[in-house]
Amino acid sequence: MSALPFPASRGPSRPGGLDTELTSPVPGVYVLVVGGEVDTLTAPALGEALGALLEAEPTDAVAAVDLAGVGFLASSGLAVLIRAAHRAEAQGRALHLLGGSRAVTRPLEVTGSDQLFTLLPGLDELLARVDGDRPAGRVRRPD
C-alpha cells in the first residue's frame, strides 16, 4: 500500500485531533484512512481530505474511507460524510465506509444515512469485492 501526496495528511494528532492519510492499496482503489475524533473542530479537515479523495484520478476509481481509527463521530462529521456521499454519487460511484466502530455506525443508522454508503468491515472485504468485479485486470466501481 502506498501513501499518496496529499495536502490534507496530518502527522501525529494531538488529543482529540484528527489524522488523515490517502493511500492506494492497489491501482484504481483509493482509501482515506482517518483516525481520531470527528467533531466541530476537526470536521473541516475531514471535508478537505474527502475532497482530495474524490478528486483523485481516475474519477472512476473506487473510493473508500477507513474509519476504524475513529472513536467519535459528531453530527458535523456526519454532515461532511453525507456531502461526500452525494458528491461521489454525482460522479457515478459509491463511497465505501470501512471498519466503523459502533461510535461511527450508530449515528449513520439512527439518521438513515447508512443507506448512502457501501458499508464494509475492512480493506480485505473491499479488495475482495473489487477483485470480483475486475474484468481483464481493470478495476471497476463495485455496485
Protein backbone atom coordinates (compact mmCIF):
# COMPACT_ATOMS: atom_id res chain seq x y z
CA MET A 1 0.00 0.00 0.00
CA SER A 2 1.41 3.36 -0.90
CA ALA A 3 0.68 6.75 0.59
CA LEU A 4 -0.04 9.44 -1.93
CA PRO A 5 0.99 13.08 -1.90
CA PHE A 6 -1.91 14.57 -0.04
CA PRO A 7 -2.10 18.09 1.34
CA ALA A 8 -4.70 17.12 3.94
CA SER A 9 -2.48 14.45 5.52
CA ARG A 10 -1.76 15.09 9.13
CA GLY A 11 1.08 13.96 11.31
CA PRO A 12 0.58 12.51 14.78
CA SER A 13 -2.54 14.04 16.24
CA ARG A 14 -2.91 15.91 19.43
CA PRO A 15 -5.50 14.51 21.84
CA GLY A 16 -8.90 14.97 20.24
CA GLY A 17 -7.30 15.69 16.88
CA LEU A 18 -7.73 14.05 13.51
CA ASP A 19 -5.24 12.16 11.35
CA THR A 20 -5.84 11.54 7.65
CA GLU A 21 -3.83 9.73 5.02
CA LEU A 22 -4.77 8.96 1.43
CA THR A 23 -3.47 5.60 0.23
CA SER A 24 -3.79 3.40 -2.83
CA PRO A 25 -3.55 -0.27 -1.81
CA VAL A 26 -3.97 -1.41 -5.44
CA PRO A 27 -4.26 0.53 -8.70
CA GLY A 28 -7.70 2.06 -9.11
CA VAL A 29 -8.57 1.96 -5.40
CA TYR A 30 -8.11 4.97 -3.11
CA VAL A 31 -8.60 4.75 0.64
CA LEU A 32 -8.72 7.69 3.01
CA VAL A 33 -7.56 6.40 6.40
CA VAL A 34 -8.97 8.50 9.24
CA GLY A 35 -8.06 8.38 12.91
CA GLY A 36 -9.11 10.40 15.93
CA GLU A 37 -12.30 12.24 16.71
CA VAL A 38 -14.58 13.88 14.16
CA ASP A 39 -16.30 16.85 15.74
CA THR A 40 -16.96 20.51 15.01
CA LEU A 41 -13.26 21.36 15.21
CA THR A 42 -11.99 18.51 13.03
CA ALA A 43 -14.87 18.14 10.53
CA PRO A 44 -13.38 20.77 8.17
CA ALA A 45 -10.15 18.74 7.95
CA LEU A 46 -12.18 15.63 7.17
CA GLY A 47 -14.04 17.58 4.49
CA GLU A 48 -10.76 18.69 2.94
CA ALA A 49 -9.43 15.13 2.98
CA LEU A 50 -12.64 13.74 1.46
CA GLY A 51 -12.42 16.39 -1.26
CA ALA A 52 -8.91 15.20 -2.13
CA LEU A 53 -10.13 11.58 -2.15
CA LEU A 54 -12.92 12.39 -4.59
CA GLU A 55 -10.61 14.49 -6.79
CA ALA A 56 -8.08 11.66 -7.18
CA GLU A 57 -7.64 10.44 -10.75
CA PRO A 58 -9.11 8.49 -12.34
CA THR A 59 -12.50 9.72 -11.19
CA ASP A 60 -13.99 6.27 -11.74
CA ALA A 61 -11.60 4.73 -9.20
CA VAL A 62 -13.04 3.03 -6.13
CA ALA A 63 -13.22 5.48 -3.22
CA ALA A 64 -13.29 4.34 0.40
CA VAL A 65 -12.94 5.87 3.84
CA ASP A 66 -11.40 3.70 6.55
CA LEU A 67 -12.98 4.80 9.82
CA ALA A 68 -11.58 2.03 12.02
CA GLY A 69 -9.46 4.58 13.87
CA VAL A 70 -12.33 6.98 14.57
CA GLY A 71 -13.56 6.91 18.15
CA PHE A 72 -16.19 9.64 17.94
CA LEU A 73 -18.41 10.96 15.12
CA ALA A 74 -20.38 14.12 15.83
CA SER A 75 -23.21 15.43 13.68
CA SER A 76 -20.80 17.84 11.99
CA GLY A 77 -18.69 14.90 10.84
CA LEU A 78 -21.79 13.03 9.74
CA ALA A 79 -22.79 16.02 7.61
CA VAL A 80 -19.36 16.04 5.95
CA LEU A 81 -19.65 12.32 5.15
CA ILE A 82 -23.15 12.80 3.72
CA ARG A 83 -21.95 15.63 1.44
CA ALA A 84 -19.10 13.41 0.24
CA ALA A 85 -21.55 10.56 -0.49
CA HIS A 86 -23.66 12.89 -2.62
CA ARG A 87 -20.58 14.13 -4.44
CA ALA A 88 -19.45 10.54 -5.14
CA GLU A 89 -22.94 9.70 -6.38
CA ALA A 90 -22.80 12.68 -8.75
CA GLN A 91 -19.55 11.19 -10.10
CA GLY A 92 -21.38 7.91 -10.68
CA ARG A 93 -19.66 5.91 -7.95
CA ALA A 94 -20.26 4.68 -4.43
CA LEU A 95 -18.42 5.89 -1.37
CA HIS A 96 -17.39 2.91 0.76
CA LEU A 97 -17.03 3.18 4.53
CA LEU A 98 -14.71 0.65 6.14
CA GLY A 99 -14.35 -0.62 9.67
CA GLY A 100 -16.52 1.80 11.55
CA SER A 101 -17.00 1.13 15.25
CA ARG A 102 -20.36 1.45 16.98
CA ALA A 103 -19.48 5.09 17.68
CA VAL A 104 -19.40 5.63 13.91
CA THR A 105 -22.11 3.31 12.65
CA ARG A 106 -24.75 4.28 15.23
CA PRO A 107 -25.14 7.90 14.03
CA LEU A 108 -25.31 6.62 10.44
CA GLU A 109 -28.03 4.10 11.33
CA VAL A 110 -30.09 6.45 13.51
CA THR A 111 -30.25 9.08 10.76
CA GLY A 112 -30.77 6.58 7.94
CA SER A 113 -27.70 7.94 6.18
CA ASP A 114 -26.09 4.49 6.25
CA GLN A 115 -28.11 3.91 3.06
CA LEU A 116 -25.90 6.45 1.26
CA PHE A 117 -22.78 4.32 1.68
CA THR A 118 -21.49 0.85 0.99
CA LEU A 119 -20.52 -0.32 4.49
CA LEU A 120 -17.81 -2.98 4.68
CA PRO A 121 -15.92 -4.41 7.68
CA GLY A 122 -12.47 -3.55 6.32
CA LEU A 123 -9.98 -3.25 3.49
CA ASP A 124 -9.83 -7.00 2.83
CA GLU A 125 -13.57 -7.08 2.08
CA LEU A 126 -13.27 -4.05 -0.20
CA LEU A 127 -10.40 -5.59 -2.15
CA ALA A 128 -12.22 -8.94 -2.43
CA ARG A 129 -15.24 -7.11 -3.78
CA VAL A 130 -13.13 -5.16 -6.26
CA ASP A 131 -11.30 -8.35 -7.37
CA GLY A 132 -14.66 -9.99 -8.04
CA ASP A 133 -15.58 -7.08 -10.33
CA ARG A 134 -12.25 -6.88 -12.13
CA PRO A 135 -12.58 -7.83 -15.83
CA ALA A 136 -9.27 -8.37 -17.62
CA GLY A 137 -7.27 -6.66 -14.88
CA ARG A 138 -9.25 -3.41 -14.92
CA VAL A 139 -10.76 -2.14 -11.68
CA ARG A 140 -14.43 -1.24 -11.88
CA ARG A 141 -16.56 0.55 -9.35
CA PRO A 142 -18.39 -2.00 -7.17
CA ASP A 143 -22.17 -1.69 -7.43
